[in-house]
């Protein structure tokens, strides 16, 4: 009976502490909490030999695995303290690779097909670059749209087109600085062709 009462007191006390903690968290200003998103490199393994190798080297307690996603959660290259997600179970593990596994993972580097890092110049400058003209034209068109409709400072943009769908996201910007400005109407020039006939008279002596 005494043990039962002690147990109830402990549970009741824990409930009071939890309720106090929950009310304290709810009472905090939400503006102090920032929810952000960022892109991190991910490697997907579907080769069964590689899957078996990494299951063994990571000491994962699973046998039926058809795919492994390895995420560079630390953003310093694939290695210790990164995350492995096994499929189809969906279990998540913090990994500590062996030397053999780490040697393989050191070769995993994400290289974009196209990347440009430059100053906030006139978009026409990037459009006129001689190399990668198609990619630079896409970048220039995006810059033109941002400059025409947004007068603020920082802004983050993500776009992904996959199959028949397109995802476009903007965040981290000042909403009050957004203002719609239509695209300039292209100027068309009228061309007038003037045709003239020159006649001359030639006198021939008899």
Protein backbone atom coordinates (compact mmCIF):
# COMPACT_ATOMS: atom_id res chain seq x y z
CA UNK A 1 0.00 0.00 0.00
CA UNK A 2 2.83 2.39 0.85
CA UNK A 3 4.60 1.62 -2.42
CA UNK A 4 1.37 2.25 -4.34
CA UNK A 5 0.90 5.67 -2.71
CA UNK A 6 4.54 6.56 -3.34
CA UNK A 7 4.12 5.60 -6.97
CA UNK A 8 1.01 7.77 -7.26
CA UNK A 9 2.83 10.70 -5.66
CA UNK A 10 5.70 10.36 -8.13
CA UNK A 11 3.36 10.18 -11.11
CA UNK A 12 1.29 13.11 -9.84
CA UNK A 13 4.44 15.14 -9.24
CA UNK A 14 5.72 14.30 -12.71
CA UNK A 15 2.37 15.39 -14.17
CA UNK A 16 2.58 18.77 -12.40
CA UNK A 17 6.13 19.32 -13.68
CA UNK A 18 5.11 18.34 -17.22
CA UNK A 19 2.03 20.60 -17.13
CA UNK A 20 4.14 23.51 -15.87
CA UNK A 21 6.75 22.91 -18.58
CA UNK A 22 4.09 22.69 -21.31
CA UNK A 23 2.39 25.91 -20.21
CA UNK A 24 5.76 27.67 -20.05
CA UNK A 25 6.64 26.60 -23.60
CA UNK A 26 3.22 27.59 -24.93
CA UNK A 27 3.53 30.96 -23.25
CA UNK A 28 6.75 31.80 -25.03
CA UNK A 29 6.81 34.20 -27.96
CA UNK A 30 6.60 32.19 -31.20
CA UNK A 31 8.58 34.92 -32.98
CA UNK A 32 11.71 33.64 -31.21
CA UNK A 33 11.37 30.29 -32.96
CA UNK A 34 12.71 30.08 -36.51
CA UNK A 35 11.73 27.19 -38.77
CA UNK A 36 14.13 26.93 -41.68
CA UNK A 37 14.78 24.48 -44.47
CA UNK A 38 18.02 23.69 -46.23
CA UNK A 39 19.22 21.27 -48.85
CA UNK A 40 21.67 18.61 -47.74
CA UNK A 41 23.46 15.95 -49.83
CA UNK A 42 21.93 12.48 -49.83
CA UNK A 43 23.22 9.20 -51.23
CA UNK A 44 20.76 6.43 -52.10
CA UNK A 45 22.02 2.86 -52.20
CA UNK A 46 20.00 0.25 -54.12
CA UNK A 47 22.77 -2.19 -55.03
CA UNK A 48 22.29 -5.22 -52.81
CA UNK A 49 26.02 -5.87 -52.38
CA UNK A 50 26.59 -2.29 -51.20
CA UNK A 51 23.54 -2.48 -48.95
CA UNK A 52 24.84 -5.65 -47.30
CA UNK A 53 28.30 -4.09 -46.93
CA UNK A 54 27.04 -0.95 -45.19
CA UNK A 55 24.58 -2.85 -43.00
CA UNK A 56 27.55 -4.81 -41.71
CA UNK A 57 29.92 -1.83 -41.43
CA UNK A 58 27.31 0.38 -39.71
CA UNK A 59 26.22 -2.48 -37.40
CA UNK A 60 22.58 -1.99 -38.37
CA UNK A 61 20.25 -4.51 -36.67
CA UNK A 62 18.28 -5.29 -39.84
CA UNK A 63 18.34 -7.99 -42.49
CA UNK A 64 15.53 -7.18 -44.95
CA UNK A 65 16.71 -3.89 -46.48
CA UNK A 66 16.02 -2.92 -50.10
CA UNK A 67 17.35 0.65 -50.00
CA UNK A 68 19.49 2.85 -47.76
CA UNK A 69 19.47 6.67 -47.77
CA UNK A 70 22.57 8.21 -46.22
CA UNK A 71 22.18 11.90 -45.37
CA UNK A 72 25.02 14.32 -44.73
CA UNK A 73 23.31 15.76 -41.65
CA UNK A 74 26.51 17.40 -40.36
CA UNK A 75 27.14 19.23 -43.68
CA UNK A 76 30.85 18.41 -43.54
CA UNK A 77 30.98 15.44 -45.89
CA UNK A 78 29.61 11.94 -45.41
CA UNK A 79 30.91 10.27 -42.28
CA UNK A 80 30.51 10.00 -38.54
CA UNK A 81 27.26 11.19 -36.93
CA UNK A 82 25.43 11.35 -40.25
CA UNK A 83 22.10 9.59 -40.72
CA UNK A 84 21.14 6.36 -42.45
CA UNK A 85 17.51 5.58 -43.28
CA UNK A 86 16.69 1.99 -44.13
CA UNK A 87 13.81 0.93 -46.34
CA UNK A 88 11.17 -0.40 -46.20
CA UNK A 89 11.28 -0.13 -42.39
CA UNK A 90 11.99 3.61 -42.36
CA UNK A 91 14.28 3.27 -39.34
CA UNK A 92 16.79 6.09 -38.80
CA UNK A 93 20.30 5.49 -37.45
CA UNK A 94 23.17 7.76 -36.49
CA UNK A 95 26.16 6.13 -38.15
CA UNK A 96 29.77 5.60 -37.09
CA UNK A 97 31.49 4.19 -40.20
CA UNK A 98 34.39 1.77 -40.09
CA UNK A 99 37.61 2.70 -41.90
CA UNK A 100 36.59 0.61 -44.91
CA UNK A 101 33.18 2.30 -45.12
CA UNK A 102 34.66 5.77 -44.64
CA UNK A 103 37.09 5.27 -47.54
CA UNK A 104 34.15 4.64 -49.85
CA UNK A 105 32.11 7.53 -48.43
CA UNK A 106 34.98 9.97 -48.96
CA UNK A 107 34.33 9.67 -52.70
CA UNK A 108 30.75 10.86 -52.41
CA UNK A 109 30.58 14.48 -53.53
CA UNK A 110 27.58 16.40 -54.81
CA UNK A 111 28.40 18.42 -57.91
CA UNK A 112 25.60 20.49 -59.49
CA UNK A 113 25.26 20.48 -63.27
CA UNK A 114 25.29 24.28 -63.21
CA UNK A 115 26.12 26.73 -60.46
CA UNK A 116 26.87 30.42 -60.52
CA UNK A 117 27.93 32.60 -57.60
CA UNK A 118 28.38 36.25 -58.41
CA UNK A 119 27.64 39.82 -57.51
CA UNK A 120 24.21 41.41 -57.80
CA UNK A 121 24.91 42.75 -61.26
CA UNK A 122 22.52 43.71 -64.02
CA UNK A 123 20.86 40.49 -65.22
CA UNK A 124 21.86 41.38 -68.77
CA UNK A 125 25.49 40.77 -67.78
CA UNK A 126 24.80 37.12 -66.99
CA UNK A 127 22.59 36.73 -70.05
CA UNK A 128 25.43 37.82 -72.32
CA UNK A 129 28.03 35.39 -70.94
CA UNK A 130 29.42 33.29 -73.81
CA UNK A 131 29.41 29.93 -71.97
CA UNK A 132 26.37 27.98 -70.73
CA UNK A 133 24.08 30.44 -72.47
CA UNK A 134 20.88 28.47 -71.90
CA UNK A 135 21.53 28.04 -68.15
CA UNK A 136 22.68 31.65 -67.77
CA UNK A 137 19.54 32.83 -69.57
CA UNK A 138 17.36 30.95 -67.06
CA UNK A 139 19.33 32.56 -64.22
CA UNK A 140 19.08 36.00 -65.83
CA UNK A 141 15.31 35.67 -66.33
CA UNK A 142 14.88 34.75 -62.66
CA UNK A 143 16.96 37.76 -61.57
CA UNK A 144 14.89 40.07 -63.76
CA UNK A 145 11.68 38.83 -62.15
CA UNK A 146 13.08 39.26 -58.63
CA UNK A 147 14.43 42.75 -59.28
CA UNK A 148 11.19 43.87 -60.92
CA UNK A 149 8.86 42.58 -58.18
CA UNK A 150 10.95 42.66 -54.99
CA UNK A 151 12.79 45.65 -53.56
CA UNK A 152 13.95 44.08 -50.29
CA UNK A 153 17.19 42.40 -49.28
CA UNK A 154 17.67 38.66 -48.66
CA UNK A 155 15.40 36.16 -50.35
CA UNK A 156 15.57 32.36 -50.72
CA UNK A 157 14.15 30.49 -53.69
CA UNK A 158 13.76 26.81 -54.52
CA UNK A 159 12.38 25.38 -57.73
CA UNK A 160 12.00 21.77 -58.77
CA UNK A 161 10.32 20.34 -61.85
CA UNK A 162 9.66 16.61 -61.80
CA UNK A 163 7.42 14.81 -64.24
CA UNK A 164 4.30 16.87 -64.84
CA UNK A 165 4.61 18.95 -61.66
CA UNK A 166 6.62 22.01 -60.68
CA UNK A 167 7.38 23.13 -57.13
CA UNK A 168 8.36 26.77 -56.54
CA UNK A 169 9.03 28.13 -53.05
CA UNK A 170 10.12 31.53 -51.73
CA UNK A 171 10.95 32.28 -48.09
CA UNK A 172 13.21 34.37 -45.89
CA UNK A 173 12.12 37.64 -47.50
CA UNK A 174 10.26 40.80 -46.45
CA UNK A 175 6.67 40.38 -47.60
CA UNK A 176 6.07 44.13 -47.49
CA UNK A 177 8.72 44.62 -50.16
CA UNK A 178 6.85 42.53 -52.73
CA UNK A 179 5.09 44.62 -55.35
CA UNK A 180 3.80 43.36 -58.68
CA UNK A 181 5.35 45.04 -61.67
CA UNK A 182 4.40 43.70 -65.10
CA UNK A 183 7.03 42.74 -67.61
CA UNK A 184 7.99 45.55 -69.97
CA UNK A 185 6.22 45.47 -73.31
CA UNK A 186 8.75 44.74 -76.03
CA UNK A 187 9.17 47.66 -78.39
CA UNK A 188 8.46 46.98 -82.05
CA UNK A 189 9.90 49.21 -84.73
CA UNK A 190 8.09 49.95 -87.97
CA UNK A 191 10.30 49.66 -90.99
CA UNK A 192 9.46 51.59 -94.12
CA UNK A 193 11.10 50.65 -97.38
CA UNK A 194 11.37 53.39 -99.99
CA UNK A 195 11.82 52.34 -103.57
CA UNK A 196 12.84 54.89 -106.15
CA UNK A 197 13.32 54.55 -109.85
CA UNK A 198 15.94 56.66 -111.54
CA UNK A 199 15.32 57.52 -115.14
CA UNK A 200 17.87 59.10 -117.38
CA UNK A 201 17.75 60.19 -120.98
CA UNK A 202 20.61 59.46 -123.27
CA UNK A 203 20.91 61.44 -126.49
CA UNK A 204 22.60 59.65 -129.33
CA UNK A 205 23.95 61.71 -132.18
CA UNK A 206 22.98 60.67 -135.62
